[in-house]
Amino acid sequence: MKYMLNVLLVMLCLLVFGFAIKNVEPVELQYYLGLRWQAPLSLMLLTSLLIGVVIGMIICLKPIIKQRRRLISLERELKTLNKNNQS
């Protein structure tokens, strides 16, 4: 199974590499206030993917922190209940 996963990963890397090689022509991205960025299409797509991943991770941080705080409070409550039952 691990062998198949490695083969699929190599195939995916080759596919992405081939895509990057085929799309080396520069394209221009225009921002507000006249700002522009000129780079290869594959670099722009990779950059936008990475920005999306970072934004997604930041959005997921709040629920994770909330769950950890809740877990800590429940562990404290469990410890106090165990101490009261042992006494």
PDB file of N, CA and C in Angstrom:
ATOM      1  N   MET A   1       0.827  -1.193   0.000  1.00  0.00           N
ATOM      2  CA  MET A   1       0.000   0.000   0.000  1.00  0.00           C
ATOM      3  C   MET A   1       0.873   1.258   0.000  1.00  0.00           C
ATOM      4  N   LYS A   2       1.933   1.220   0.798  1.00  0.00           N
ATOM      5  CA  LYS A   2       2.826   2.364   0.856  1.00  0.00           C
ATOM      6  C   LYS A   2       3.528   2.563  -0.491  1.00  0.00           C
ATOM      7  N   TYR A   3       3.820   1.460  -1.165  1.00  0.00           N
ATOM      8  CA  TYR A   3       4.451   1.524  -2.476  1.00  0.00           C
ATOM      9  C   TYR A   3       3.539   2.233  -3.468  1.00  0.00           C
ATOM     10  N   MET A   4       2.252   1.910  -3.449  1.00  0.00           N
ATOM     11  CA  MET A   4       1.284   2.539  -4.350  1.00  0.00           C
ATOM     12  C   MET A   4       1.148   4.029  -4.058  1.00  0.00           C
ATOM     13  N   LEU A   5       1.177   4.390  -2.786  1.00  0.00           N
ATOM     14  CA  LEU A   5       1.090   5.797  -2.412  1.00  0.00           C
ATOM     15  C   LEU A   5       2.299   6.572  -2.933  1.00  0.00           C
ATOM     16  N   ASN A   6       3.470   5.963  -2.832  1.00  0.00           N
ATOM     17  CA  ASN A   6       4.681   6.606  -3.347  1.00  0.00           C
ATOM     18  C   ASN A   6       4.620   6.754  -4.868  1.00  0.00           C
ATOM     19  N   VAL A   7       4.123   5.758  -5.554  1.00  0.00           N
ATOM     20  CA  VAL A   7       3.996   5.830  -7.011  1.00  0.00           C
ATOM     21  C   VAL A   7       3.024   6.937  -7.399  1.00  0.00           C
ATOM     22  N   LEU A   8       1.887   7.025  -6.703  1.00  0.00           N
ATOM     23  CA  LEU A   8       0.918   8.082  -6.987  1.00  0.00           C
ATOM     24  C   LEU A   8       1.492   9.459  -6.695  1.00  0.00           C
ATOM     25  N   LEU A   9       2.275   9.571  -5.635  1.00  0.00           N
ATOM     26  CA  LEU A   9       2.900  10.847  -5.296  1.00  0.00           C
ATOM     27  C   LEU A   9       3.904  11.273  -6.363  1.00  0.00           C
ATOM     28  N   VAL A  10       4.688  10.338  -6.859  1.00  0.00           N
ATOM     29  CA  VAL A  10       5.654  10.634  -7.924  1.00  0.00           C
ATOM     30  C   VAL A  10       4.916  11.041  -9.196  1.00  0.00           C
ATOM     31  N   MET A  11       3.837  10.344  -9.515  1.00  0.00           N
ATOM     32  CA  MET A  11       3.060  10.696 -10.703  1.00  0.00           C
ATOM     33  C   MET A  11       2.450  12.092 -10.581  1.00  0.00           C
ATOM     34  N   LEU A  12       1.966  12.434  -9.399  1.00  0.00           N
ATOM     35  CA  LEU A  12       1.405  13.757  -9.176  1.00  0.00           C
ATOM     36  C   LEU A  12       2.474  14.833  -9.314  1.00  0.00           C
ATOM     37  N   CYS A  13       3.657  14.569  -8.761  1.00  0.00           N
ATOM     38  CA  CYS A  13       4.768  15.526  -8.875  1.00  0.00           C
ATOM     39  C   CYS A  13       5.167  15.715 -10.333  1.00  0.00           C
ATOM     40  N   LEU A  14       5.215  14.638 -11.102  1.00  0.00           N
ATOM     41  CA  LEU A  14       5.550  14.746 -12.518  1.00  0.00           C
ATOM     42  C   LEU A  14       4.479  15.525 -13.283  1.00  0.00           C
ATOM     43  N   LEU A  15       3.234  15.317 -12.937  1.00  0.00           N
ATOM     44  CA  LEU A  15       2.142  16.038 -13.571  1.00  0.00           C
ATOM     45  C   LEU A  15       2.241  17.538 -13.275  1.00  0.00           C
ATOM     46  N   VAL A  16       2.481  17.877 -12.036  1.00  0.00           N
ATOM     47  CA  VAL A  16       2.620  19.290 -11.657  1.00  0.00           C
ATOM     48  C   VAL A  16       3.857  19.896 -12.314  1.00  0.00           C
ATOM     49  N   PHE A  17       4.945  19.159 -12.354  1.00  0.00           N
ATOM     50  CA  PHE A  17       6.167  19.643 -12.997  1.00  0.00           C
ATOM     51  C   PHE A  17       5.933  19.873 -14.485  1.00  0.00           C
ATOM     52  N   GLY A  18       5.245  18.960 -15.133  1.00  0.00           N
ATOM     53  CA  GLY A  18       4.920  19.118 -16.553  1.00  0.00           C
ATOM     54  C   GLY A  18       4.034  20.325 -16.792  1.00  0.00           C
ATOM     55  N   PHE A  19       3.084  20.551 -15.901  1.00  0.00           N
ATOM     56  CA  PHE A  19       2.226  21.726 -15.993  1.00  0.00           C
ATOM     57  C   PHE A  19       3.054  23.003 -15.873  1.00  0.00           C
ATOM     58  N   ALA A  20       3.991  23.014 -14.938  1.00  0.00           N
ATOM     59  CA  ALA A  20       4.831  24.197 -14.738  1.00  0.00           C
ATOM     60  C   ALA A  20       5.713  24.450 -15.953  1.00  0.00           C
ATOM     61  N   ILE A  21       6.242  23.399 -16.562  1.00  0.00           N
ATOM     62  CA  ILE A  21       7.099  23.542 -17.743  1.00  0.00           C
ATOM     63  C   ILE A  21       6.295  24.082 -18.927  1.00  0.00           C
ATOM     64  N   LYS A  22       5.053  23.613 -19.082  1.00  0.00           N
ATOM     65  CA  LYS A  22       4.221  24.028 -20.211  1.00  0.00           C
ATOM     66  C   LYS A  22       3.706  25.462 -20.072  1.00  0.00           C
ATOM     67  N   ASN A  23       3.678  26.007 -18.858  1.00  0.00           N
ATOM     68  CA  ASN A  23       3.087  27.326 -18.620  1.00  0.00           C
ATOM     69  C   ASN A  23       4.126  28.304 -18.082  1.00  0.00           C
ATOM     70  N   VAL A  24       5.158  28.544 -18.869  1.00  0.00           N
ATOM     71  CA  VAL A  24       6.220  29.453 -18.438  1.00  0.00           C
ATOM     72  C   VAL A  24       6.033  30.862 -19.003  1.00  0.00           C
ATOM     73  N   GLU A  25       5.032  31.049 -19.871  1.00  0.00           N
ATOM     74  CA  GLU A  25       4.796  32.379 -20.416  1.00  0.00           C
ATOM     75  C   GLU A  25       4.358  33.317 -19.301  1.00  0.00           C
ATOM     76  N   PRO A  26       4.897  34.520 -19.289  1.00  0.00           N
ATOM     77  CA  PRO A  26       4.498  35.455 -18.227  1.00  0.00           C
ATOM     78  C   PRO A  26       3.079  35.978 -18.448  1.00  0.00           C
ATOM     79  N   VAL A  27       2.356  36.082 -17.365  1.00  0.00           N
ATOM     80  CA  VAL A  27       1.033  36.701 -17.373  1.00  0.00           C
ATOM     81  C   VAL A  27       1.062  37.850 -16.383  1.00  0.00           C
ATOM     82  N   GLU A  28       0.132  38.746 -16.531  1.00  0.00           N
ATOM     83  CA  GLU A  28       0.117  39.939 -15.671  1.00  0.00           C
ATOM     84  C   GLU A  28      -1.125  39.928 -14.804  1.00  0.00           C
ATOM     85  N   LEU A  29      -0.920  40.100 -13.532  1.00  0.00           N
ATOM     86  CA  LEU A  29      -2.011  40.189 -12.567  1.00  0.00           C
ATOM     87  C   LEU A  29      -2.114  41.639 -12.127  1.00  0.00           C
ATOM     88  N   GLN A  30      -3.289  42.212 -12.282  1.00  0.00           N
ATOM     89  CA  GLN A  30      -3.474  43.629 -11.954  1.00  0.00           C
ATOM     90  C   GLN A  30      -4.243  43.756 -10.649  1.00  0.00           C
ATOM     91  N   TYR A  31      -3.690  44.549  -9.745  1.00  0.00           N
ATOM     92  CA  TYR A  31      -4.298  44.824  -8.451  1.00  0.00           C
ATOM     93  C   TYR A  31      -4.982  46.186  -8.504  1.00  0.00           C
ATOM     94  N   TYR A  32      -5.511  46.573  -7.380  1.00  0.00           N
ATOM     95  CA  TYR A  32      -6.072  47.907  -7.246  1.00  0.00           C
ATOM     96  C   TYR A  32      -4.944  48.927  -7.200  1.00  0.00           C
ATOM     97  N   LEU A  33      -5.270  50.161  -7.406  1.00  0.00           N
ATOM     98  CA  LEU A  33      -4.344  51.294  -7.361  1.00  0.00           C
ATOM     99  C   LEU A  33      -3.206  51.170  -8.365  1.00  0.00           C
ATOM    100  N   GLY A  34      -3.441  50.465  -9.441  1.00  0.00           N
ATOM    101  CA  GLY A  34      -2.455  50.364 -10.498  1.00  0.00           C
ATOM    102  C   GLY A  34      -1.294  49.421 -10.237  1.00  0.00           C
ATOM    103  N   LEU A  35      -1.357  48.643  -9.186  1.00  0.00           N
ATOM    104  CA  LEU A  35      -0.282  47.686  -8.905  1.00  0.00           C
ATOM    105  C   LEU A  35      -0.403  46.490  -9.839  1.00  0.00           C
ATOM    106  N   ARG A  36       0.738  46.003 -10.307  1.00  0.00           N
ATOM    107  CA  ARG A  36       0.752  44.864 -11.227  1.00  0.00           C
ATOM    108  C   ARG A  36       1.854  43.892 -10.836  1.00  0.00           C
ATOM    109  N   TRP A  37       1.597  42.627 -11.141  1.00  0.00           N
ATOM    110  CA  TRP A  37       2.610  41.599 -10.902  1.00  0.00           C
ATOM    111  C   TRP A  37       2.685  40.745 -12.148  1.00  0.00           C
ATOM    112  N   GLN A  38       3.887  40.600 -12.678  1.00  0.00           N
ATOM    113  CA  GLN A  38       4.086  39.800 -13.881  1.00  0.00           C
ATOM    114  C   GLN A  38       4.969  38.610 -13.524  1.00  0.00           C
ATOM    115  N   ALA A  39       4.443  37.410 -13.785  1.00  0.00           N
ATOM    116  CA  ALA A  39       5.155  36.176 -13.455  1.00  0.00           C
ATOM    117  C   ALA A  39       4.580  35.045 -14.300  1.00  0.00           C
ATOM    118  N   PRO A  40       5.254  33.903 -14.334  1.00  0.00           N
ATOM    119  CA  PRO A  40       4.693  32.752 -15.057  1.00  0.00           C
ATOM    120  C   PRO A  40       3.371  32.293 -14.433  1.00  0.00           C
ATOM    121  N   LEU A  41       2.507  31.776 -15.289  1.00  0.00           N
ATOM    122  CA  LEU A  41       1.188  31.334 -14.838  1.00  0.00           C
ATOM    123  C   LEU A  41       1.285  30.287 -13.738  1.00  0.00           C
ATOM    124  N   SER A  42       2.206  29.333 -13.879  1.00  0.00           N
ATOM    125  CA  SER A  42       2.332  28.277 -12.873  1.00  0.00           C
ATOM    126  C   SER A  42       2.730  28.849 -11.516  1.00  0.00           C
ATOM    127  N   LEU A  43       3.582  29.880 -11.501  1.00  0.00           N
ATOM    128  CA  LEU A  43       3.974  30.509 -10.236  1.00  0.00           C
ATOM    129  C   LEU A  43       2.790  31.231  -9.610  1.00  0.00           C
ATOM    130  N   MET A  44       2.002  31.900 -10.425  1.00  0.00           N
ATOM    131  CA  MET A  44       0.826  32.595  -9.882  1.00  0.00           C
ATOM    132  C   MET A  44      -0.186  31.605  -9.300  1.00  0.00           C
ATOM    133  N   LEU A  45      -0.396  30.490  -9.991  1.00  0.00           N
ATOM    134  CA  LEU A  45      -1.333  29.490  -9.473  1.00  0.00           C
ATOM    135  C   LEU A  45      -0.819  28.862  -8.183  1.00  0.00           C
ATOM    136  N   LEU A  46       0.469  28.568  -8.134  1.00  0.00           N
ATOM    137  CA  LEU A  46       1.047  28.008  -6.919  1.00  0.00           C
ATOM    138  C   LEU A  46       0.957  28.997  -5.762  1.00  0.00           C
ATOM    139  N   THR A  47       1.219  30.270  -6.047  1.00  0.00           N
ATOM    140  CA  THR A  47       1.128  31.296  -5.009  1.00  0.00           C
ATOM    141  C   THR A  47      -0.297  31.419  -4.490  1.00  0.00           C
ATOM    142  N   SER A  48      -1.273  31.426  -5.384  1.00  0.00           N
ATOM    143  CA  SER A  48      -2.664  31.536  -4.942  1.00  0.00           C
ATOM    144  C   SER A  48      -3.093  30.298  -4.141  1.00  0.00           C
ATOM    145  N   LEU A  49      -2.590  29.131  -4.527  1.00  0.00           N
ATOM    146  CA  LEU A  49      -2.887  27.915  -3.760  1.00  0.00           C
ATOM    147  C   LEU A  49      -2.305  28.009  -2.352  1.00  0.00           C
ATOM    148  N   LEU A  50      -1.070  28.458  -2.247  1.00  0.00           N
ATOM    149  CA  LEU A  50      -0.437  28.576  -0.935  1.00  0.00           C
ATOM    150  C   LEU A  50      -1.132  29.614  -0.063  1.00  0.00           C
ATOM    151  N   ILE A  51      -1.539  30.725  -0.661  1.00  0.00           N
ATOM    152  CA  ILE A  51      -2.271  31.739   0.099  1.00  0.00           C
ATOM    153  C   ILE A  51      -3.595  31.165   0.605  1.00  0.00           C
ATOM    154  N   GLY A  52      -4.281  30.399  -0.228  1.00  0.00           N
ATOM    155  CA  GLY A  52      -5.531  29.767   0.190  1.00  0.00           C
ATOM    156  C   GLY A  52      -5.336  28.776   1.319  1.00  0.00           C
ATOM    157  N   VAL A  53      -4.256  28.002   1.256  1.00  0.00           N
ATOM    158  CA  VAL A  53      -3.960  27.038   2.327  1.00  0.00           C
ATOM    159  C   VAL A  53      -3.672  27.764   3.634  1.00  0.00           C
ATOM    160  N   VAL A  54      -2.888  28.829   3.573  1.00  0.00           N
ATOM    161  CA  VAL A  54      -2.562  29.592   4.786  1.00  0.00           C
ATOM    162  C   VAL A  54      -3.819  30.216   5.381  1.00  0.00           C
ATOM    163  N   ILE A  55      -4.666  30.796   4.544  1.00  0.00           N
ATOM    164  CA  ILE A  55      -5.913  31.386   5.037  1.00  0.00           C
ATOM    165  C   ILE A  55      -6.803  30.310   5.663  1.00  0.00           C
ATOM    166  N   GLY A  56      -6.882  29.156   5.044  1.00  0.00           N
ATOM    167  CA  GLY A  56      -7.668  28.056   5.601  1.00  0.00           C
ATOM    168  C   GLY A  56      -7.144  27.592   6.946  1.00  0.00           C
ATOM    169  N   MET A  57      -5.819  27.519   7.083  1.00  0.00           N
ATOM    170  CA  MET A  57      -5.226  27.107   8.359  1.00  0.00           C
ATOM    171  C   MET A  57      -5.491  28.145   9.445  1.00  0.00           C
ATOM    172  N   ILE A  58      -5.413  29.412   9.088  1.00  0.00           N
ATOM    173  CA  ILE A  58      -5.684  30.466  10.061  1.00  0.00           C
ATOM    174  C   ILE A  58      -7.138  30.416  10.517  1.00  0.00           C
ATOM    175  N   ILE A  59      -8.046  30.169   9.579  1.00  0.00           N
ATOM    176  CA  ILE A  59      -9.466  30.086   9.930  1.00  0.00           C
ATOM    177  C   ILE A  59      -9.725  28.890  10.846  1.00  0.00           C
ATOM    178  N   CYS A  60      -9.001  27.800  10.666  1.00  0.00           N
ATOM    179  CA  CYS A  60      -9.198  26.599  11.483  1.00  0.00           C
ATOM    180  C   CYS A  60      -8.586  26.729  12.873  1.00  0.00           C
ATOM    181  N   LEU A  61      -7.729  27.705  13.098  1.00  0.00           N
ATOM    182  CA  LEU A  61      -7.070  27.826  14.396  1.00  0.00           C
ATOM    183  C   LEU A  61      -8.046  28.124  15.531  1.00  0.00           C
ATOM    184  N   LYS A  62      -9.020  28.989  15.306  1.00  0.00           N
ATOM    185  CA  LYS A  62      -9.945  29.369  16.373  1.00  0.00           C
ATOM    186  C   LYS A  62     -10.704  28.173  16.949  1.00  0.00           C
ATOM    187  N   PRO A  63     -11.330  27.328  16.114  1.00  0.00           N
ATOM    188  CA  PRO A  63     -12.019  26.162  16.693  1.00  0.00           C
ATOM    189  C   PRO A  63     -11.062  25.191  17.395  1.00  0.00           C
ATOM    190  N   ILE A  64      -9.859  25.044  16.881  1.00  0.00           N
ATOM    191  CA  ILE A  64      -8.895  24.133  17.501  1.00  0.00           C
ATOM    192  C   ILE A  64      -8.505  24.648  18.882  1.00  0.00           C
ATOM    193  N   ILE A  65      -8.222  25.937  18.987  1.00  0.00           N
ATOM    194  CA  ILE A  65      -7.861  26.521  20.286  1.00  0.00           C
ATOM    195  C   ILE A  65      -9.022  26.399  21.256  1.00  0.00           C
ATOM    196  N   LYS A  66     -10.241  26.633  20.768  1.00  0.00           N
ATOM    197  CA  LYS A  66     -11.425  26.517  21.624  1.00  0.00           C
ATOM    198  C   LYS A  66     -11.597  25.088  22.137  1.00  0.00           C
ATOM    199  N   GLN A  67     -11.379  24.103  21.266  1.00  0.00           N
ATOM    200  CA  GLN A  67     -11.498  22.704  21.668  1.00  0.00           C
ATOM    201  C   GLN A  67     -10.434  22.325  22.688  1.00  0.00           C
ATOM    202  N   ARG A  68      -9.218  22.818  22.504  1.00  0.00           N
ATOM    203  CA  ARG A  68      -8.157  22.504  23.469  1.00  0.00           C
ATOM    204  C   ARG A  68      -8.451  23.095  24.835  1.00  0.00           C
ATOM    205  N   ARG A  69      -8.956  24.326  24.859  1.00  0.00           N
ATOM    206  CA  ARG A  69      -9.322  24.933  26.144  1.00  0.00           C
ATOM    207  C   ARG A  69     -10.422  24.125  26.827  1.00  0.00           C
ATOM    208  N   ARG A  70     -11.398  23.695  26.045  1.00  0.00           N
ATOM    209  CA  ARG A  70     -12.496  22.888  26.605  1.00  0.00           C
ATOM    210  C   ARG A  70     -11.971  21.564  27.134  1.00  0.00           C
ATOM    211  N   LEU A  71     -11.051  20.947  26.402  1.00  0.00           N
ATOM    212  CA  LEU A  71     -10.460  19.684  26.835  1.00  0.00           C
ATOM    213  C   LEU A  71      -9.697  19.859  28.147  1.00  0.00           C
ATOM    214  N   ILE A  72      -8.939  20.928  28.275  1.00  0.00           N
ATOM    215  CA  ILE A  72      -8.193  21.182  29.510  1.00  0.00           C
ATOM    216  C   ILE A  72      -9.147  21.377  30.682  1.00  0.00           C
ATOM    217  N   SER A  73     -10.226  22.133  30.469  1.00  0.00           N
ATOM    218  CA  SER A  73     -11.177  22.339  31.569  1.00  0.00           C
ATOM    219  C   SER A  73     -11.870  21.037  31.949  1.00  0.00           C
ATOM    220  N   LEU A  74     -12.183  20.193  30.967  1.00  0.00           N
ATOM    221  CA  LEU A  74     -12.809  18.906  31.297  1.00  0.00           C
ATOM    222  C   LEU A  74     -11.840  17.981  32.019  1.00  0.00           C
ATOM    223  N   GLU A  75     -10.563  18.018  31.652  1.00  0.00           N
ATOM    224  CA  GLU A  75      -9.570  17.197  32.365  1.00  0.00           C
ATOM    225  C   GLU A  75      -9.426  17.652  33.805  1.00  0.00           C
ATOM    226  N   ARG A  76      -9.437  18.969  34.029  1.00  0.00           N
ATOM    227  CA  ARG A  76      -9.378  19.472  35.411  1.00  0.00           C
ATOM    228  C   ARG A  76     -10.599  19.041  36.213  1.00  0.00           C
ATOM    229  N   GLU A  77     -11.759  19.123  35.572  1.00  0.00           N
ATOM    230  CA  GLU A  77     -12.991  18.713  36.248  1.00  0.00           C
ATOM    231  C   GLU A  77     -12.964  17.224  36.580  1.00  0.00           C
ATOM    232  N   LEU A  78     -12.431  16.411  35.677  1.00  0.00           N
ATOM    233  CA  LEU A  78     -12.321  14.978  35.914  1.00  0.00           C
ATOM    234  C   LEU A  78     -11.376  14.688  37.072  1.00  0.00           C
ATOM    235  N   LYS A  79     -10.267  15.409  37.156  1.00  0.00           N
ATOM    236  CA  LYS A  79      -9.324  15.220  38.264  1.00  0.00           C
ATOM    237  C   LYS A  79      -9.972  15.564  39.594  1.00  0.00           C
ATOM    238  N   THR A  80     -10.724  16.669  39.644  1.00  0.00           N
ATOM    239  CA  THR A  80     -11.379  17.037  40.912  1.00  0.00           C
ATOM    240  C   THR A  80     -12.441  16.022  41.287  1.00  0.00           C
ATOM    241  N   LEU A  81     -13.158  15.494  40.303  1.00  0.00           N
ATOM    242  CA  LEU A  81     -14.164  14.483  40.602  1.00  0.00           C
ATOM    243  C   LEU A  81     -13.528  13.200  41.115  1.00  0.00           C
ATOM    244  N   ASN A  82     -12.376  12.818  40.534  1.00  0.00           N
ATOM    245  CA  ASN A  82     -11.677  11.635  40.998  1.00  0.00           C
ATOM    246  C   ASN A  82     -11.154  11.820  42.410  1.00  0.00           C
ATOM    247  N   LYS A  83     -10.662  13.010  42.727  1.00  0.00           N
ATOM    248  CA  LYS A  83     -10.174  13.280  44.083  1.00  0.00           C
ATOM    249  C   LYS A  83     -11.317  13.224  45.088  1.00  0.00           C
ATOM    250  N   ASN A  84     -12.488  13.761  44.717  1.00  0.00           N
ATOM    251  CA  ASN A  84     -13.648  13.749  45.623  1.00  0.00           C
ATOM    252  C   ASN A  84     -14.171  12.333  45.831  1.00  0.00           C
ATOM    253  N   ASN A  85     -14.107  11.479  44.804  1.00  0.00           N
ATOM    254  CA  ASN A  85     -14.579  10.101  44.940  1.00  0.00           C
ATOM    255  C   ASN A  85     -13.633   9.258  45.778  1.00  0.00           C
ATOM    256  N   GLN A  86     -12.330   9.570  45.751  1.00  0.00           N
ATOM    257  CA  GLN A  86     -11.351   8.802  46.508  1.00  0.00           C
ATOM    258  C   GLN A  86     -11.384   9.167  47.990  1.00  0.00           C
ATOM    259  N   SER A  87     -11.843  10.367  48.305  1.00  0.00           N
ATOM    260  CA  SER A  87     -11.857  10.811  49.717  1.00  0.00           C
ATOM    261  C   SER A  87     -12.980  10.227  50.498  1.00  0.00           C
TER     262      SER A  87
END
